[in-house]
Every structure is written in C-alpha cells, then in structure tokens.
Amino acid sequence: MDRRNFTKFALSGLAFSFLSDSMGRAAPPVMPQPAAPPPVPAAPTRPLPRYAALLDRARAALDQHGAAFPLRDRVGIVDFDAPSKDMRMHIVDLVSGQANSYLVSHGRGSDPGHSGWLHSFSNEFNSLASCQGAFRTEAEYVGQHGRSMRLAGLDPQNNNAEARAIVIHGADYVTEDHVATWGKCGRSEGCFAVAPHLVPQVLGLLGQGRLLYSGKLGTA
C-alpha cells in the first residue's frame, strides 16, 4: 500500500471511530425538574379592635402614673365613643391581647336626653355625670348595690371620683334583657354600672391596684 492510500485509509478509519464513539455516548435524557411548591399564603392579619387608640392612652397612663399601679398585667377600658347598647367596657390582658367585654352605663348628667350616647364628662359634684381619665381600682365593699369596688381618680379631670362615690357596681338596667327591650342601658349617677351577674367576674379580673381608663377619642 503506498503512502497516499495508507493516509486515506487511516483518516477514514479515524472518522468512523469518532462517529461510532459519538453515537455510543448519546446525551443523557433531561430529567424533569420538580414543580416549585405553591406559595404559602400570608397569615391573615387580625383587625385592630375599635378601642385600640384608647388602649394606647391607657398604656401611656400606666407609664405616666408609674408606681400608682402595682399590677400592670391587665387594664380596664371604657370606650365612651360607643353607645350604651354596645359592650364598651373591655378588660384587656396586656400580654396576650385577649379581652373580655361588657355592657356598662354612663351617668345621667352625661346624657340628659337619655339618647344612649355619652355627650359630655364632668368632674363636678352633683353633676351625675361620668368622668374620664385614669382610675386606680381600690378595695371592694358591699353597699346599697351589693358587691362594689371603689375607684380613685388620678387625673385633674377625675380627681373627685372617690369623693363623689364613683364606683363599679351592679344594676339591673345594664343587662342584655334591658338593652333588648329599650335599645340602650339605663343611666347611673356617674358610676360604672355593669350587669349584676357579671360583677364577680369584672371585679375579679380587675382586682385592686389596676388601671381603669375611660374616655372618648375626641377628648384628652
């Protein structure tokens, strides 16, 4: 075999070898990629309670009055922006945010026309009106309304509360049956009256030495 034929034969053999090797090493199949997991839906946000801004005021009152409150785990809030037919007294656990809510009266002097809405506050004697601000819960006693709790007003707009005998007590005109009949609670003489059968629960949750804060968002 001459050199020219030998070279041609060698090149053709090399090409056949390369082609065979390429065919023997075919590309591996493409494996399907696992589907991406579906997005995790965002946890639903809990709407702020209606009394949230008033709760902020209560927290500020705790800081303002400092050592006046030996117990700071729970606070009571009375939201006088709401009508008396609504459960507008809230006892809030400041750790968990959970609240128990109750009907509560306002004073006849705060609602002369008995509309079911509180129109004004007063700290004056004989006004028969509700007053606003920070109160410290005091000792329980048994009086003309049964089991009751005294309150000490800590702000200039409620510092006559103790002398005016502004207390928490039970009254039949602050029950769900009364509201169902009349569309509103009856009025007190400025006290925070609640349903008689709920007095033990309310006084038990508040106890002595905690904050009760009452107000309307439109007033300081």
C-alpha atoms as a PDB file:
ATOM      1  CA  MET A   1       0.000   0.000   0.000  1.00  0.00           C
ATOM      2  CA  ASP A   2       1.510   3.332  -0.938  1.00  0.00           C
ATOM      3  CA  ARG A   3       1.659   6.292   1.427  1.00  0.00           C
ATOM      4  CA  ARG A   4      -1.280   8.149  -0.196  1.00  0.00           C
ATOM      5  CA  ASN A   5      -3.684   5.166   0.131  1.00  0.00           C
ATOM      6  CA  PHE A   6      -2.446   4.471   3.640  1.00  0.00           C
ATOM      7  CA  THR A   7      -3.212   8.060   4.733  1.00  0.00           C
ATOM      8  CA  LYS A   8      -6.682   7.965   3.137  1.00  0.00           C
ATOM      9  CA  PHE A   9      -7.425   4.670   4.880  1.00  0.00           C
ATOM     10  CA  ALA A  10      -6.219   5.966   8.223  1.00  0.00           C
ATOM     11  CA  LEU A  11      -8.289   9.138   8.022  1.00  0.00           C
ATOM     12  CA  SER A  12     -11.453   7.252   7.056  1.00  0.00           C
ATOM     13  CA  GLY A  13     -10.914   4.854   9.979  1.00  0.00           C
ATOM     14  CA  LEU A  14     -10.420   7.740  12.360  1.00  0.00           C
ATOM     15  CA  ALA A  15     -13.653   9.358  11.183  1.00  0.00           C
ATOM     16  CA  PHE A  16     -15.571   6.076  11.607  1.00  0.00           C
ATOM     17  CA  SER A  17     -14.143   5.651  15.066  1.00  0.00           C
ATOM     18  CA  PHE A  18     -15.134   9.197  16.073  1.00  0.00           C
ATOM     19  CA  LEU A  19     -18.656   8.735  14.684  1.00  0.00           C
ATOM     20  CA  SER A  20     -19.092   5.419  16.498  1.00  0.00           C
ATOM     21  CA  ASP A  21     -17.833   6.900  19.742  1.00  0.00           C
ATOM     22  CA  SER A  22     -20.185   9.867  19.468  1.00  0.00           C
ATOM     23  CA  MET A  23     -23.153   7.619  18.770  1.00  0.00           C
ATOM     24  CA  GLY A  24     -22.228   5.428  21.749  1.00  0.00           C
ATOM     25  CA  ARG A  25     -22.145   8.382  24.077  1.00  0.00           C
ATOM     26  CA  ALA A  26     -25.558   9.924  23.408  1.00  0.00           C
ATOM     27  CA  ALA A  27     -26.556  12.818  25.718  1.00  0.00           C
ATOM     28  CA  PRO A  28     -28.390  11.620  28.860  1.00  0.00           C
ATOM     29  CA  PRO A  29     -32.115  12.331  28.943  1.00  0.00           C
ATOM     30  CA  VAL A  30     -33.154  15.616  30.593  1.00  0.00           C
ATOM     31  CA  MET A  31     -34.904  14.834  33.873  1.00  0.00           C
ATOM     32  CA  PRO A  32     -37.987  16.926  34.615  1.00  0.00           C
ATOM     33  CA  GLN A  33     -37.453  19.422  37.400  1.00  0.00           C
ATOM     34  CA  PRO A  34     -39.781  19.130  40.395  1.00  0.00           C
ATOM     35  CA  ALA A  35     -42.515  21.729  40.416  1.00  0.00           C
ATOM     36  CA  ALA A  36     -41.933  24.684  42.709  1.00  0.00           C
ATOM     37  CA  PRO A  37     -44.006  24.441  45.897  1.00  0.00           C
ATOM     38  CA  PRO A  38     -47.043  26.713  45.919  1.00  0.00           C
ATOM     39  CA  PRO A  39     -46.511  29.975  47.775  1.00  0.00           C
ATOM     40  CA  VAL A  40     -47.513  29.884  51.433  1.00  0.00           C
ATOM     41  CA  PRO A  41     -50.438  32.246  51.924  1.00  0.00           C
ATOM     42  CA  ALA A  42     -49.762  35.070  54.310  1.00  0.00           C
ATOM     43  CA  ALA A  43     -51.335  34.688  57.720  1.00  0.00           C
ATOM     44  CA  PRO A  44     -54.469  36.788  57.966  1.00  0.00           C
ATOM     45  CA  THR A  45     -53.932  39.956  59.933  1.00  0.00           C
ATOM     46  CA  ARG A  46     -56.186  40.473  62.907  1.00  0.00           C
ATOM     47  CA  PRO A  47     -58.048  43.775  62.614  1.00  0.00           C
ATOM     48  CA  LEU A  48     -57.307  46.241  65.358  1.00  0.00           C
ATOM     49  CA  PRO A  49     -60.044  46.443  67.952  1.00  0.00           C
ATOM     50  CA  ARG A  50     -62.200  49.525  67.936  1.00  0.00           C
ATOM     51  CA  TYR A  51     -60.728  50.590  71.262  1.00  0.00           C
ATOM     52  CA  ALA A  52     -57.092  50.300  70.095  1.00  0.00           C
ATOM     53  CA  ALA A  53     -56.385  54.050  70.288  1.00  0.00           C
ATOM     54  CA  LEU A  54     -57.944  54.205  73.753  1.00  0.00           C
ATOM     55  CA  LEU A  55     -55.762  51.276  74.780  1.00  0.00           C
ATOM     56  CA  ASP A  56     -52.733  53.297  73.683  1.00  0.00           C
ATOM     57  CA  ARG A  57     -53.896  56.070  76.013  1.00  0.00           C
ATOM     58  CA  ALA A  58     -54.261  53.537  78.814  1.00  0.00           C
ATOM     59  CA  ARG A  59     -50.714  52.281  78.262  1.00  0.00           C
ATOM     60  CA  ALA A  60     -49.468  55.874  78.369  1.00  0.00           C
ATOM     61  CA  ALA A  61     -51.377  56.391  81.637  1.00  0.00           C
ATOM     62  CA  LEU A  62     -49.649  53.349  83.134  1.00  0.00           C
ATOM     63  CA  ASP A  63     -46.296  54.933  82.321  1.00  0.00           C
ATOM     64  CA  GLN A  64     -47.376  58.400  83.431  1.00  0.00           C
ATOM     65  CA  HIS A  65     -48.594  57.288  86.851  1.00  0.00           C
ATOM     66  CA  GLY A  66     -45.812  54.752  87.343  1.00  0.00           C
ATOM     67  CA  ALA A  67     -45.854  53.200  90.796  1.00  0.00           C
ATOM     68  CA  ALA A  68     -49.547  54.016  91.329  1.00  0.00           C
ATOM     69  CA  PHE A  69     -50.302  50.662  89.692  1.00  0.00           C
ATOM     70  CA  PRO A  70     -48.683  47.671  91.380  1.00  0.00           C
ATOM     71  CA  LEU A  71     -50.478  45.374  88.929  1.00  0.00           C
ATOM     72  CA  ARG A  72     -49.824  46.062  85.244  1.00  0.00           C
ATOM     73  CA  ASP A  73     -50.819  42.784  83.587  1.00  0.00           C
ATOM     74  CA  ARG A  74     -54.414  43.806  82.803  1.00  0.00           C
ATOM     75  CA  VAL A  75     -56.232  47.092  82.289  1.00  0.00           C
ATOM     76  CA  GLY A  76     -59.878  48.051  82.068  1.00  0.00           C
ATOM     77  CA  ILE A  77     -61.005  50.381  79.280  1.00  0.00           C
ATOM     78  CA  VAL A  78     -64.377  52.103  78.945  1.00  0.00           C
ATOM     79  CA  ASP A  79     -64.879  53.316  75.379  1.00  0.00           C
ATOM     80  CA  PHE A  80     -67.449  56.082  75.632  1.00  0.00           C
ATOM     81  CA  ASP A  81     -67.326  56.643  71.884  1.00  0.00           C
ATOM     82  CA  ALA A  82     -69.655  53.638  71.677  1.00  0.00           C
ATOM     83  CA  PRO A  83     -73.361  53.751  72.600  1.00  0.00           C
ATOM     84  CA  SER A  84     -74.577  52.132  75.788  1.00  0.00           C
ATOM     85  CA  LYS A  85     -76.189  49.264  73.856  1.00  0.00           C
ATOM     86  CA  ASP A  86     -72.697  48.068  72.885  1.00  0.00           C
ATOM     87  CA  MET A  87     -70.268  46.144  75.053  1.00  0.00           C
ATOM     88  CA  ARG A  88     -67.912  49.039  75.625  1.00  0.00           C
ATOM     89  CA  MET A  89     -66.084  48.052  78.813  1.00  0.00           C
ATOM     90  CA  HIS A  90     -63.071  45.896  77.935  1.00  0.00           C
ATOM     91  CA  ILE A  91     -60.719  44.201  80.371  1.00  0.00           C
ATOM     92  CA  VAL A  92     -57.584  43.577  78.337  1.00  0.00           C
ATOM     93  CA  ASP A  93     -54.745  41.179  79.069  1.00  0.00           C
ATOM     94  CA  LEU A  94     -51.683  43.205  78.068  1.00  0.00           C
ATOM     95  CA  VAL A  95     -49.603  40.074  77.440  1.00  0.00           C
ATOM     96  CA  SER A  96     -51.952  38.082  75.202  1.00  0.00           C
ATOM     97  CA  GLY A  97     -54.112  40.942  73.910  1.00  0.00           C
ATOM     98  CA  GLN A  98     -57.251  38.970  74.767  1.00  0.00           C
ATOM     99  CA  ALA A  99     -60.177  40.947  76.142  1.00  0.00           C
ATOM    100  CA  ASN A 100     -63.443  40.334  77.969  1.00  0.00           C
ATOM    101  CA  SER A 101     -66.144  42.851  77.093  1.00  0.00           C
ATOM    102  CA  TYR A 102     -69.205  44.037  78.991  1.00  0.00           C
ATOM    103  CA  LEU A 103     -72.102  46.445  78.901  1.00  0.00           C
ATOM    104  CA  VAL A 104     -71.532  49.473  81.119  1.00  0.00           C
ATOM    105  CA  SER A 105     -73.593  52.543  81.952  1.00  0.00           C
ATOM    106  CA  HIS A 106     -72.788  56.227  81.807  1.00  0.00           C
ATOM    107  CA  GLY A 107     -74.118  58.967  84.076  1.00  0.00           C
ATOM    108  CA  ARG A 108     -77.455  60.686  83.535  1.00  0.00           C
ATOM    109  CA  GLY A 109     -75.677  64.042  83.644  1.00  0.00           C
ATOM    110  CA  SER A 110     -73.621  62.959  80.629  1.00  0.00           C
ATOM    111  CA  ASP A 111     -76.767  62.125  78.626  1.00  0.00           C
ATOM    112  CA  PRO A 112     -79.655  64.348  79.814  1.00  0.00           C
ATOM    113  CA  GLY A 113     -81.921  63.319  76.936  1.00  0.00           C
ATOM    114  CA  HIS A 114     -81.275  59.612  77.527  1.00  0.00           C
ATOM    115  CA  SER A 115     -80.178  59.061  73.928  1.00  0.00           C
ATOM    116  CA  GLY A 116     -77.955  56.143  74.816  1.00  0.00           C
ATOM    117  CA  TRP A 117     -74.814  58.122  73.962  1.00  0.00           C
ATOM    118  CA  LEU A 118     -72.451  59.923  76.314  1.00  0.00           C
ATOM    119  CA  HIS A 119     -72.311  63.585  75.296  1.00  0.00           C
ATOM    120  CA  SER A 120     -70.112  65.159  77.967  1.00  0.00           C
ATOM    121  CA  PHE A 121     -67.962  64.454  81.014  1.00  0.00           C
ATOM    122  CA  SER A 122     -67.903  66.236  84.332  1.00  0.00           C
ATOM    123  CA  ASN A 123     -65.781  66.033  87.469  1.00  0.00           C
ATOM    124  CA  GLU A 124     -68.126  68.313  89.399  1.00  0.00           C
ATOM    125  CA  PHE A 125     -70.073  67.322  92.473  1.00  0.00           C
ATOM    126  CA  ASN A 126     -73.804  66.738  91.920  1.00  0.00           C
ATOM    127  CA  SER A 127     -73.313  66.655  88.141  1.00  0.00           C
ATOM    128  CA  LEU A 128     -74.453  62.989  87.998  1.00  0.00           C
ATOM    129  CA  ALA A 129     -72.081  62.731  85.034  1.00  0.00           C
ATOM    130  CA  SER A 130     -69.372  60.267  84.096  1.00  0.00           C
ATOM    131  CA  CYS A 131     -65.785  61.427  84.325  1.00  0.00           C
ATOM    132  CA  GLN A 132     -62.822  60.452  82.198  1.00  0.00           C
ATOM    133  CA  GLY A 133     -59.202  59.588  82.705  1.00  0.00           C
ATOM    134  CA  ALA A 134     -57.148  57.114  84.703  1.00  0.00           C
ATOM    135  CA  PHE A 135     -58.621  55.434  87.773  1.00  0.00           C
ATOM    136  CA  ARG A 136     -56.916  53.062  90.178  1.00  0.00           C
ATOM    137  CA  THR A 137     -59.109  50.210  91.352  1.00  0.00           C
ATOM    138  CA  GLU A 138     -59.431  50.182  95.129  1.00  0.00           C
ATOM    139  CA  ALA A 139     -60.914  47.874  97.749  1.00  0.00           C
ATOM    140  CA  GLU A 140     -64.208  46.069  97.350  1.00  0.00           C
ATOM    141  CA  TYR A 141     -67.130  46.692  99.684  1.00  0.00           C
ATOM    142  CA  VAL A 142     -70.781  45.712  99.953  1.00  0.00           C
ATOM    143  CA  GLY A 143     -73.188  48.638  99.699  1.00  0.00           C
ATOM    144  CA  GLN A 144     -76.669  49.503  98.512  1.00  0.00           C
ATOM    145  CA  HIS A 145     -75.890  47.923  95.127  1.00  0.00           C
ATOM    146  CA  GLY A 146     -74.282  44.828  96.625  1.00  0.00           C
ATOM    147  CA  ARG A 147     -70.695  43.917  95.895  1.00  0.00           C
ATOM    148  CA  SER A 148     -68.901  47.005  94.547  1.00  0.00           C
ATOM    149  CA  MET A 149     -65.427  48.430  94.032  1.00  0.00           C
ATOM    150  CA  ARG A 150     -64.141  51.900  94.882  1.00  0.00           C
ATOM    151  CA  LEU A 151     -62.108  53.922  92.389  1.00  0.00           C
ATOM    152  CA  ALA A 152     -59.503  56.641  92.870  1.00  0.00           C
ATOM    153  CA  GLY A 153     -59.244  59.238  90.102  1.00  0.00           C
ATOM    154  CA  LEU A 154     -55.629  60.101  89.285  1.00  0.00           C
ATOM    155  CA  ASP A 155     -56.106  62.923  86.765  1.00  0.00           C
ATOM    156  CA  PRO A 156     -57.331  66.510  87.162  1.00  0.00           C
ATOM    157  CA  GLN A 157     -60.480  65.636  85.198  1.00  0.00           C
ATOM    158  CA  ASN A 158     -61.465  62.803  87.576  1.00  0.00           C
ATOM    159  CA  ASN A 159     -59.783  63.514  90.901  1.00  0.00           C
ATOM    160  CA  ASN A 160     -63.158  63.981  92.627  1.00  0.00           C
ATOM    161  CA  ALA A 161     -64.238  60.433  91.751  1.00  0.00           C
ATOM    162  CA  GLU A 162     -63.633  58.961  95.194  1.00  0.00           C
ATOM    163  CA  ALA A 163     -65.359  61.840  96.996  1.00  0.00           C
ATOM    164  CA  ARG A 164     -68.268  61.619  94.531  1.00  0.00           C
ATOM    165  CA  ALA A 165     -68.538  57.872  95.228  1.00  0.00           C
ATOM    166  CA  ILE A 166     -67.888  56.952  91.593  1.00  0.00           C
ATOM    167  CA  VAL A 167     -67.576  53.161  91.831  1.00  0.00           C
ATOM    168  CA  ILE A 168     -68.143  49.934  89.909  1.00  0.00           C
ATOM    169  CA  HIS A 169     -71.388  48.237  90.925  1.00  0.00           C
ATOM    170  CA  GLY A 170     -74.152  46.074  89.511  1.00  0.00           C
ATOM    171  CA  ALA A 171     -77.507  47.327  88.196  1.00  0.00           C
ATOM    172  CA  ASP A 172     -80.478  45.655  86.534  1.00  0.00           C
ATOM    173  CA  TYR A 173     -80.601  48.416  83.903  1.00  0.00           C
ATOM    174  CA  VAL A 174     -77.287  47.209  82.449  1.00  0.00           C
ATOM    175  CA  THR A 175     -78.304  43.774  81.225  1.00  0.00           C
ATOM    176  CA  GLU A 176     -78.785  42.292  77.781  1.00  0.00           C
ATOM    177  CA  ASP A 177     -82.503  41.904  78.514  1.00  0.00           C
ATOM    178  CA  HIS A 178     -82.772  45.614  79.277  1.00  0.00           C
ATOM    179  CA  VAL A 179     -80.949  46.507  76.062  1.00  0.00           C
ATOM    180  CA  ALA A 180     -83.144  44.107  74.071  1.00  0.00           C
ATOM    181  CA  THR A 181     -86.243  45.865  75.435  1.00  0.00           C
ATOM    182  CA  TRP A 182     -85.141  49.501  75.377  1.00  0.00           C
ATOM    183  CA  GLY A 183     -82.294  49.566  72.854  1.00  0.00           C
ATOM    184  CA  LYS A 184     -79.871  51.018  75.412  1.00  0.00           C
ATOM    185  CA  CYS A 185     -78.725  50.717  79.005  1.00  0.00           C
ATOM    186  CA  GLY A 186     -80.169  52.794  81.791  1.00  0.00           C
ATOM    187  CA  ARG A 187     -78.134  55.619  83.278  1.00  0.00           C
ATOM    188  CA  SER A 188     -76.229  55.744  86.555  1.00  0.00           C
ATOM    189  CA  GLU A 189     -75.289  58.763  88.651  1.00  0.00           C
ATOM    190  CA  GLY A 190     -71.799  58.672  87.199  1.00  0.00           C
ATOM    191  CA  CYS A 191     -70.809  55.167  88.295  1.00  0.00           C
ATOM    192  CA  PHE A 192     -69.617  52.370  86.045  1.00  0.00           C
ATOM    193  CA  ALA A 193     -72.607  50.038  86.470  1.00  0.00           C
ATOM    194  CA  VAL A 194     -72.493  46.558  84.947  1.00  0.00           C
ATOM    195  CA  ALA A 195     -74.894  43.614  84.900  1.00  0.00           C
ATOM    196  CA  PRO A 196     -75.336  42.212  88.447  1.00  0.00           C
ATOM    197  CA  HIS A 197     -74.492  38.634  87.470  1.00  0.00           C
ATOM    198  CA  LEU A 198     -71.199  39.825  85.935  1.00  0.00           C
ATOM    199  CA  VAL A 199     -69.995  41.819  88.936  1.00  0.00           C
ATOM    200  CA  PRO A 200     -67.937  38.902  90.359  1.00  0.00           C
ATOM    201  CA  GLN A 201     -66.191  38.382  87.029  1.00  0.00           C
ATOM    202  CA  VAL A 202     -65.497  42.081  86.417  1.00  0.00           C
ATOM    203  CA  LEU A 203     -64.203  42.741  89.925  1.00  0.00           C
ATOM    204  CA  GLY A 204     -62.230  39.506  89.905  1.00  0.00           C
ATOM    205  CA  LEU A 205     -60.433  40.388  86.673  1.00  0.00           C
ATOM    206  CA  LEU A 206     -59.719  43.953  87.730  1.00  0.00           C
ATOM    207  CA  GLY A 207     -58.794  43.358  91.343  1.00  0.00           C
ATOM    208  CA  GLN A 208     -57.286  46.065  93.495  1.00  0.00           C
ATOM    209  CA  GLY A 209     -54.378  48.089  92.151  1.00  0.00           C
ATOM    210  CA  ARG A 210     -55.038  48.017  88.394  1.00  0.00           C
ATOM    211  CA  LEU A 211     -55.887  50.714  85.866  1.00  0.00           C
ATOM    212  CA  LEU A 212     -59.392  51.509  84.664  1.00  0.00           C
ATOM    213  CA  TYR A 213     -59.293  54.101  81.891  1.00  0.00           C
ATOM    214  CA  SER A 214     -62.367  55.825  80.466  1.00  0.00           C
ATOM    215  CA  GLY A 215     -62.594  58.317  77.658  1.00  0.00           C
ATOM    216  CA  LYS A 216     -63.585  59.325  74.141  1.00  0.00           C
ATOM    217  CA  LEU A 217     -61.114  59.708  71.318  1.00  0.00           C
ATOM    218  CA  GLY A 218     -62.242  63.267  70.696  1.00  0.00           C
ATOM    219  CA  THR A 219     -61.193  64.360  74.184  1.00  0.00           C
ATOM    220  CA  ALA A 220     -57.903  64.401  76.023  1.00  0.00           C
END
